[in-house]
PDB file of all heavy atoms in Angstrom:
ATOM      1  N   VAL A   1      26.126  -3.655   5.884  1.00  0.00           N
ATOM      2  CA  VAL A   1      25.992  -3.977   7.287  1.00  0.00           C
ATOM      3  C   VAL A   1      25.110  -5.182   7.507  1.00  0.00           C
ATOM      4  O   VAL A   1      25.472  -6.075   8.307  1.00  0.00           O
ATOM      5  CB  VAL A   1      25.443  -2.701   8.054  1.00  0.00           C
ATOM      6  CG1 VAL A   1      24.885  -3.079   9.400  1.00  0.00           C
ATOM      7  CG2 VAL A   1      26.451  -1.635   8.178  1.00  0.00           C
ATOM      8  N   ILE A   2      24.034  -5.288   6.806  1.00  0.00           N
ATOM      9  CA  ILE A   2      23.126  -6.433   6.956  1.00  0.00           C
ATOM     10  C   ILE A   2      23.858  -7.707   6.526  1.00  0.00           C
ATOM     11  O   ILE A   2      23.867  -8.739   7.156  1.00  0.00           O
ATOM     12  CB  ILE A   2      21.814  -6.292   6.103  1.00  0.00           C
ATOM     13  CG1 ILE A   2      20.978  -5.158   6.743  1.00  0.00           C
ATOM     14  CG2 ILE A   2      20.999  -7.580   6.091  1.00  0.00           C
ATOM     15  CD1 ILE A   2      19.823  -4.732   5.848  1.00  0.00           C
ATOM     16  N   SER A   3      24.544  -7.652   5.355  1.00  0.00           N
ATOM     17  CA  SER A   3      25.288  -8.791   4.841  1.00  0.00           C
ATOM     18  C   SER A   3      26.334  -9.277   5.837  1.00  0.00           C
ATOM     19  O   SER A   3      26.440 -10.463   6.124  1.00  0.00           O
ATOM     20  CB  SER A   3      26.024  -8.406   3.526  1.00  0.00           C
ATOM     21  OG  SER A   3      25.137  -8.241   2.495  1.00  0.00           O
ATOM     22  N   ASN A   4      27.089  -8.320   6.385  1.00  0.00           N
ATOM     23  CA  ASN A   4      28.150  -8.724   7.332  1.00  0.00           C
ATOM     24  C   ASN A   4      27.616  -9.282   8.609  1.00  0.00           C
ATOM     25  O   ASN A   4      28.117 -10.269   9.216  1.00  0.00           O
ATOM     26  CB  ASN A   4      29.071  -7.512   7.631  1.00  0.00           C
ATOM     27  CG  ASN A   4      29.900  -7.114   6.410  1.00  0.00           C
ATOM     28  OD1 ASN A   4      30.131  -7.922   5.536  1.00  0.00           O
ATOM     29  ND2 ASN A   4      30.365  -5.882   6.394  1.00  0.00           N
ATOM     30  N   ALA A   5      26.543  -8.682   9.115  1.00  0.00           N
ATOM     31  CA  ALA A   5      25.963  -9.131  10.439  1.00  0.00           C
ATOM     32  C   ALA A   5      25.230 -10.445  10.291  1.00  0.00           C
ATOM     33  O   ALA A   5      25.206 -11.223  11.231  1.00  0.00           O
ATOM     34  CB  ALA A   5      25.019  -8.028  10.970  1.00  0.00           C
ATOM     35  N   ALA A   6      24.636 -10.687   9.123  1.00  0.00           N
ATOM     36  CA  ALA A   6      23.802 -11.931   8.982  1.00  0.00           C
ATOM     37  C   ALA A   6      24.570 -13.105   8.463  1.00  0.00           C
ATOM     38  O   ALA A   6      24.095 -14.256   8.525  1.00  0.00           O
ATOM     39  CB  ALA A   6      22.622 -11.625   8.063  1.00  0.00           C
ATOM     40  N   ARG A   7      25.789 -12.901   7.989  1.00  0.00           N
ATOM     41  CA  ARG A   7      26.557 -13.958   7.316  1.00  0.00           C
ATOM     42  C   ARG A   7      27.087 -14.964   8.328  1.00  0.00           C
ATOM     43  O   ARG A   7      27.711 -14.607   9.335  1.00  0.00           O
ATOM     44  CB  ARG A   7      27.739 -13.350   6.567  1.00  0.00           C
ATOM     45  CG  ARG A   7      28.520 -14.394   5.777  1.00  0.00           C
ATOM     46  CD  ARG A   7      29.614 -13.773   4.948  1.00  0.00           C
ATOM     47  NE  ARG A   7      29.016 -12.980   3.855  1.00  0.00           N
ATOM     48  CZ  ARG A   7      29.257 -11.651   3.679  1.00  0.00           C
ATOM     49  NH1 ARG A   7      30.111 -11.030   4.506  1.00  0.00           N
ATOM     50  NH2 ARG A   7      28.675 -11.042   2.716  1.00  0.00           N
ATOM     51  N   THR A   8      26.857 -16.242   8.019  1.00  0.00           N
ATOM     52  CA  THR A   8      27.503 -17.345   8.798  1.00  0.00           C
ATOM     53  C   THR A   8      28.427 -18.124   7.897  1.00  0.00           C
ATOM     54  O   THR A   8      29.242 -18.881   8.377  1.00  0.00           O
ATOM     55  CB  THR A   8      26.443 -18.321   9.361  1.00  0.00           C
ATOM     56  OG1 THR A   8      25.806 -19.025   8.263  1.00  0.00           O
ATOM     57  CG2 THR A   8      25.399 -17.641  10.212  1.00  0.00           C
ATOM     58  N   GLY A   9      28.282 -17.956   6.602  1.00  0.00           N
ATOM     59  CA  GLY A   9      29.075 -18.679   5.636  1.00  0.00           C
ATOM     60  C   GLY A   9      28.520 -20.021   5.248  1.00  0.00           C
ATOM     61  O   GLY A   9      29.103 -20.755   4.503  1.00  0.00           O
ATOM     62  N   LYS A  10      27.339 -20.311   5.777  1.00  0.00           N
ATOM     63  CA  LYS A  10      26.692 -21.580   5.504  1.00  0.00           C
ATOM     64  C   LYS A  10      25.462 -21.372   4.626  1.00  0.00           C
ATOM     65  O   LYS A  10      24.858 -20.236   4.591  1.00  0.00           O
ATOM     66  CB  LYS A  10      26.272 -22.278   6.803  1.00  0.00           C
ATOM     67  CG  LYS A  10      27.490 -22.644   7.666  1.00  0.00           C
ATOM     68  CD  LYS A  10      27.040 -23.457   8.851  1.00  0.00           C
ATOM     69  CE  LYS A  10      28.256 -23.972   9.568  1.00  0.00           C
ATOM     70  NZ  LYS A  10      28.870 -23.074  10.479  1.00  0.00           N
ATOM     71  N   ILE A  11      24.994 -22.397   3.956  1.00  0.00           N
ATOM     72  CA  ILE A  11      23.802 -22.311   3.135  1.00  0.00           C
ATOM     73  C   ILE A  11      22.609 -21.844   3.985  1.00  0.00           C
ATOM     74  O   ILE A  11      22.508 -22.222   5.146  1.00  0.00           O
ATOM     75  CB  ILE A  11      23.538 -23.635   2.426  1.00  0.00           C
ATOM     76  CG1 ILE A  11      22.523 -23.413   1.273  1.00  0.00           C
ATOM     77  CG2 ILE A  11      23.125 -24.724   3.375  1.00  0.00           C
ATOM     78  CD1 ILE A  11      22.501 -24.611   0.337  1.00  0.00           C
ATOM     79  N   GLY A  12      21.762 -20.980   3.404  1.00  0.00           N
ATOM     80  CA  GLY A  12      20.556 -20.553   4.113  1.00  0.00           C
ATOM     81  C   GLY A  12      20.757 -19.230   4.826  1.00  0.00           C
ATOM     82  O   GLY A  12      19.916 -18.887   5.641  1.00  0.00           O
ATOM     83  N   ASP A  13      21.864 -18.554   4.604  1.00  0.00           N
ATOM     84  CA  ASP A  13      22.103 -17.245   5.245  1.00  0.00           C
ATOM     85  C   ASP A  13      21.041 -16.211   4.883  1.00  0.00           C
ATOM     86  O   ASP A  13      20.756 -15.324   5.637  1.00  0.00           O
ATOM     87  CB  ASP A  13      23.510 -16.696   4.911  1.00  0.00           C
ATOM     88  CG  ASP A  13      24.587 -17.235   5.842  1.00  0.00           C
ATOM     89  OD1 ASP A  13      24.246 -17.909   6.808  1.00  0.00           O
ATOM     90  OD2 ASP A  13      25.724 -16.988   5.563  1.00  0.00           O
ATOM     91  N   GLY A  14      20.481 -16.296   3.689  1.00  0.00           N
ATOM     92  CA  GLY A  14      19.365 -15.414   3.344  1.00  0.00           C
ATOM     93  C   GLY A  14      19.556 -14.627   2.076  1.00  0.00           C
ATOM     94  O   GLY A  14      20.551 -14.840   1.335  1.00  0.00           O
ATOM     95  N   LYS A  15      18.745 -13.610   1.929  1.00  0.00           N
ATOM     96  CA  LYS A  15      18.756 -12.729   0.747  1.00  0.00           C
ATOM     97  C   LYS A  15      18.474 -11.288   1.195  1.00  0.00           C
ATOM     98  O   LYS A  15      17.888 -11.061   2.222  1.00  0.00           O
ATOM     99  CB  LYS A  15      17.695 -13.103  -0.280  1.00  0.00           C
ATOM    100  CG  LYS A  15      17.817 -14.493  -0.829  1.00  0.00           C
ATOM    101  CD  LYS A  15      18.572 -14.458  -2.138  1.00  0.00           C
ATOM    102  CE  LYS A  15      18.413 -15.726  -2.909  1.00  0.00           C
ATOM    103  NZ  LYS A  15      19.164 -16.902  -2.436  1.00  0.00           N
ATOM    104  N   ILE A  16      18.887 -10.360   0.337  1.00  0.00           N
ATOM    105  CA  ILE A  16      18.539  -8.930   0.503  1.00  0.00           C
ATOM    106  C   ILE A  16      17.964  -8.445  -0.756  1.00  0.00           C
ATOM    107  O   ILE A  16      18.496  -8.653  -1.862  1.00  0.00           O
ATOM    108  CB  ILE A  16      19.787  -8.101   0.887  1.00  0.00           C
ATOM    109  CG1 ILE A  16      20.416  -8.647   2.180  1.00  0.00           C
ATOM    110  CG2 ILE A  16      19.487  -6.636   0.979  1.00  0.00           C
ATOM    111  CD1 ILE A  16      21.719  -7.993   2.498  1.00  0.00           C
ATOM    112  N   PHE A  17      16.803  -7.753  -0.675  1.00  0.00           N
ATOM    113  CA  PHE A  17      16.118  -7.195  -1.819  1.00  0.00           C
ATOM    114  C   PHE A  17      16.018  -5.670  -1.621  1.00  0.00           C
ATOM    115  O   PHE A  17      15.673  -5.194  -0.531  1.00  0.00           O
ATOM    116  CB  PHE A  17      14.681  -7.756  -1.921  1.00  0.00           C
ATOM    117  CG  PHE A  17      14.665  -9.236  -1.959  1.00  0.00           C
ATOM    118  CD1 PHE A  17      14.389  -9.963  -0.830  1.00  0.00           C
ATOM    119  CD2 PHE A  17      14.858  -9.907  -3.183  1.00  0.00           C
ATOM    120  CE1 PHE A  17      14.353 -11.345  -0.891  1.00  0.00           C
ATOM    121  CE2 PHE A  17      14.822 -11.347  -3.218  1.00  0.00           C
ATOM    122  CZ  PHE A  17      14.563 -12.038  -2.045  1.00  0.00           C
ATOM    123  N   VAL A  18      16.289  -4.927  -2.670  1.00  0.00           N
ATOM    124  CA  VAL A  18      16.231  -3.443  -2.584  1.00  0.00           C
ATOM    125  C   VAL A  18      15.219  -3.035  -3.655  1.00  0.00           C
ATOM    126  O   VAL A  18      15.316  -3.431  -4.805  1.00  0.00           O
ATOM    127  CB  VAL A  18      17.585  -2.795  -2.824  1.00  0.00           C
ATOM    128  CG1 VAL A  18      17.466  -1.302  -2.831  1.00  0.00           C
ATOM    129  CG2 VAL A  18      18.625  -3.298  -1.815  1.00  0.00           C
ATOM    130  N   MET A  19      14.248  -2.142  -3.248  1.00  0.00           N
ATOM    131  CA  MET A  19      13.259  -1.698  -4.174  1.00  0.00           C
ATOM    132  C   MET A  19      12.894  -0.222  -3.920  1.00  0.00           C
ATOM    133  O   MET A  19      13.069   0.268  -2.787  1.00  0.00           O
ATOM    134  CB  MET A  19      11.964  -2.593  -4.114  1.00  0.00           C
ATOM    135  CG  MET A  19      11.367  -2.679  -2.768  1.00  0.00           C
ATOM    136  SD  MET A  19      10.476  -4.234  -2.477  1.00  0.00           S
ATOM    137  CE  MET A  19      11.838  -5.319  -2.016  1.00  0.00           C
ATOM    138  N   PRO A  20      12.402   0.422  -4.938  1.00  0.00           N
ATOM    139  CA  PRO A  20      12.075   1.845  -4.781  1.00  0.00           C
ATOM    140  C   PRO A  20      10.807   2.030  -3.933  1.00  0.00           C
ATOM    141  O   PRO A  20       9.906   1.174  -3.933  1.00  0.00           O
ATOM    142  CB  PRO A  20      11.868   2.376  -6.242  1.00  0.00           C
ATOM    143  CG  PRO A  20      11.592   1.130  -6.992  1.00  0.00           C
ATOM    144  CD  PRO A  20      12.234  -0.022  -6.329  1.00  0.00           C
ATOM    145  N   VAL A  21      10.714   3.191  -3.230  1.00  0.00           N
ATOM    146  CA  VAL A  21       9.557   3.562  -2.480  1.00  0.00           C
ATOM    147  C   VAL A  21       9.061   4.871  -3.044  1.00  0.00           C
ATOM    148  O   VAL A  21       9.791   5.839  -3.107  1.00  0.00           O
ATOM    149  CB  VAL A  21       9.925   3.682  -0.971  1.00  0.00           C
ATOM    150  CG1 VAL A  21       8.719   4.266  -0.209  1.00  0.00           C
ATOM    151  CG2 VAL A  21      10.303   2.371  -0.387  1.00  0.00           C
ATOM    152  N   GLU A  22       7.850   4.919  -3.503  1.00  0.00           N
ATOM    153  CA  GLU A  22       7.308   6.139  -4.137  1.00  0.00           C
ATOM    154  C   GLU A  22       6.929   7.194  -3.118  1.00  0.00           C
ATOM    155  O   GLU A  22       7.097   8.389  -3.370  1.00  0.00           O
ATOM    156  CB  GLU A  22       6.111   5.792  -5.015  1.00  0.00           C
ATOM    157  CG  GLU A  22       6.469   4.960  -6.235  1.00  0.00           C
ATOM    158  CD  GLU A  22       5.284   4.721  -7.092  1.00  0.00           C
ATOM    159  OE1 GLU A  22       4.284   5.555  -7.076  1.00  0.00           O
ATOM    160  OE2 GLU A  22       5.290   3.733  -7.836  1.00  0.00           O
ATOM    161  N   ARG A  23       6.336   6.741  -2.018  1.00  0.00           N
ATOM    162  CA  ARG A  23       5.777   7.733  -1.077  1.00  0.00           C
ATOM    163  C   ARG A  23       5.773   7.172   0.338  1.00  0.00           C
ATOM    164  O   ARG A  23       5.426   6.001   0.548  1.00  0.00           O
ATOM    165  CB  ARG A  23       4.375   8.064  -1.539  1.00  0.00           C
ATOM    166  CG  ARG A  23       3.726   9.229  -0.905  1.00  0.00           C
ATOM    167  CD  ARG A  23       2.417   9.528  -1.627  1.00  0.00           C
ATOM    168  NE  ARG A  23       1.687  10.622  -0.941  1.00  0.00           N
ATOM    169  CZ  ARG A  23       0.444  10.916  -1.129  1.00  0.00           C
ATOM    170  NH1 ARG A  23      -0.221  10.198  -2.037  1.00  0.00           N
ATOM    171  NH2 ARG A  23      -0.156  11.802  -0.481  1.00  0.00           N
ATOM    172  N   VAL A  24       6.095   8.008   1.299  1.00  0.00           N
ATOM    173  CA  VAL A  24       6.034   7.627   2.716  1.00  0.00           C
ATOM    174  C   VAL A  24       5.241   8.695   3.449  1.00  0.00           C
ATOM    175  O   VAL A  24       5.490   9.924   3.252  1.00  0.00           O
ATOM    176  CB  VAL A  24       7.435   7.493   3.345  1.00  0.00           C
ATOM    177  CG1 VAL A  24       7.342   7.206   4.807  1.00  0.00           C
ATOM    178  CG2 VAL A  24       8.244   6.431   2.612  1.00  0.00           C
ATOM    179  N   ILE A  25       4.292   8.305   4.240  1.00  0.00           N
ATOM    180  CA  ILE A  25       3.486   9.238   5.033  1.00  0.00           C
ATOM    181  C   ILE A  25       3.457   8.759   6.494  1.00  0.00           C
ATOM    182  O   ILE A  25       3.181   7.636   6.754  1.00  0.00           O
ATOM    183  CB  ILE A  25       2.044   9.296   4.538  1.00  0.00           C
ATOM    184  CG1 ILE A  25       2.057   9.753   3.083  1.00  0.00           C
ATOM    185  CG2 ILE A  25       1.191  10.211   5.355  1.00  0.00           C
ATOM    186  CD1 ILE A  25       1.283   8.883   2.185  1.00  0.00           C
ATOM    187  N   ARG A  26       3.844   9.678   7.391  1.00  0.00           N
ATOM    188  CA  ARG A  26       3.688   9.367   8.850  1.00  0.00           C
ATOM    189  C   ARG A  26       2.234   9.645   9.216  1.00  0.00           C
ATOM    190  O   ARG A  26       1.777  10.771   9.095  1.00  0.00           O
ATOM    191  CB  ARG A  26       4.627  10.194   9.660  1.00  0.00           C
ATOM    192  CG  ARG A  26       4.510   9.926  11.162  1.00  0.00           C
ATOM    193  CD  ARG A  26       5.557  10.616  12.013  1.00  0.00           C
ATOM    194  NE  ARG A  26       6.799   9.893  11.864  1.00  0.00           N
ATOM    195  CZ  ARG A  26       7.981  10.491  11.676  1.00  0.00           C
ATOM    196  NH1 ARG A  26       8.070  11.814  11.673  1.00  0.00           N
ATOM    197  NH2 ARG A  26       9.051   9.805  11.560  1.00  0.00           N
ATOM    198  N   ILE A  27       1.552   8.631   9.673  1.00  0.00           N
ATOM    199  CA  ILE A  27       0.153   8.754   9.976  1.00  0.00           C
ATOM    200  C   ILE A  27      -0.197   9.786  11.071  1.00  0.00           C
ATOM    201  O   ILE A  27      -1.040  10.591  10.945  1.00  0.00           O
ATOM    202  CB  ILE A  27      -0.442   7.379  10.367  1.00  0.00           C
ATOM    203  CG1 ILE A  27      -0.401   6.444   9.125  1.00  0.00           C
ATOM    204  CG2 ILE A  27      -1.891   7.499  10.868  1.00  0.00           C
ATOM    205  CD1 ILE A  27      -0.758   5.014   9.416  1.00  0.00           C
ATOM    206  N   ARG A  28       0.631   9.752  12.123  1.00  0.00           N
ATOM    207  CA  ARG A  28       0.357  10.608  13.262  1.00  0.00           C
ATOM    208  C   ARG A  28       0.414  12.127  12.887  1.00  0.00           C
ATOM    209  O   ARG A  28      -0.437  12.899  13.338  1.00  0.00           O
ATOM    210  CB  ARG A  28       1.345  10.347  14.418  1.00  0.00           C
ATOM    211  CG  ARG A  28       1.213  11.245  15.665  1.00  0.00           C
ATOM    212  CD  ARG A  28       2.231  10.899  16.738  1.00  0.00           C
ATOM    213  NE  ARG A  28       3.597  10.874  16.241  1.00  0.00           N
ATOM    214  CZ  ARG A  28       4.385  11.977  16.286  1.00  0.00           C
ATOM    215  NH1 ARG A  28       3.954  13.173  16.687  1.00  0.00           N
ATOM    216  NH2 ARG A  28       5.669  11.864  15.853  1.00  0.00           N
TER     217      ARG A  28
END
């Protein structure tokens, strides 16, 4: 979805990085 929505077909469209998340805590 990000690739399709952000693509213009021109140089500089960007990058996507995927990384693991070990732990998530909701502070509230």
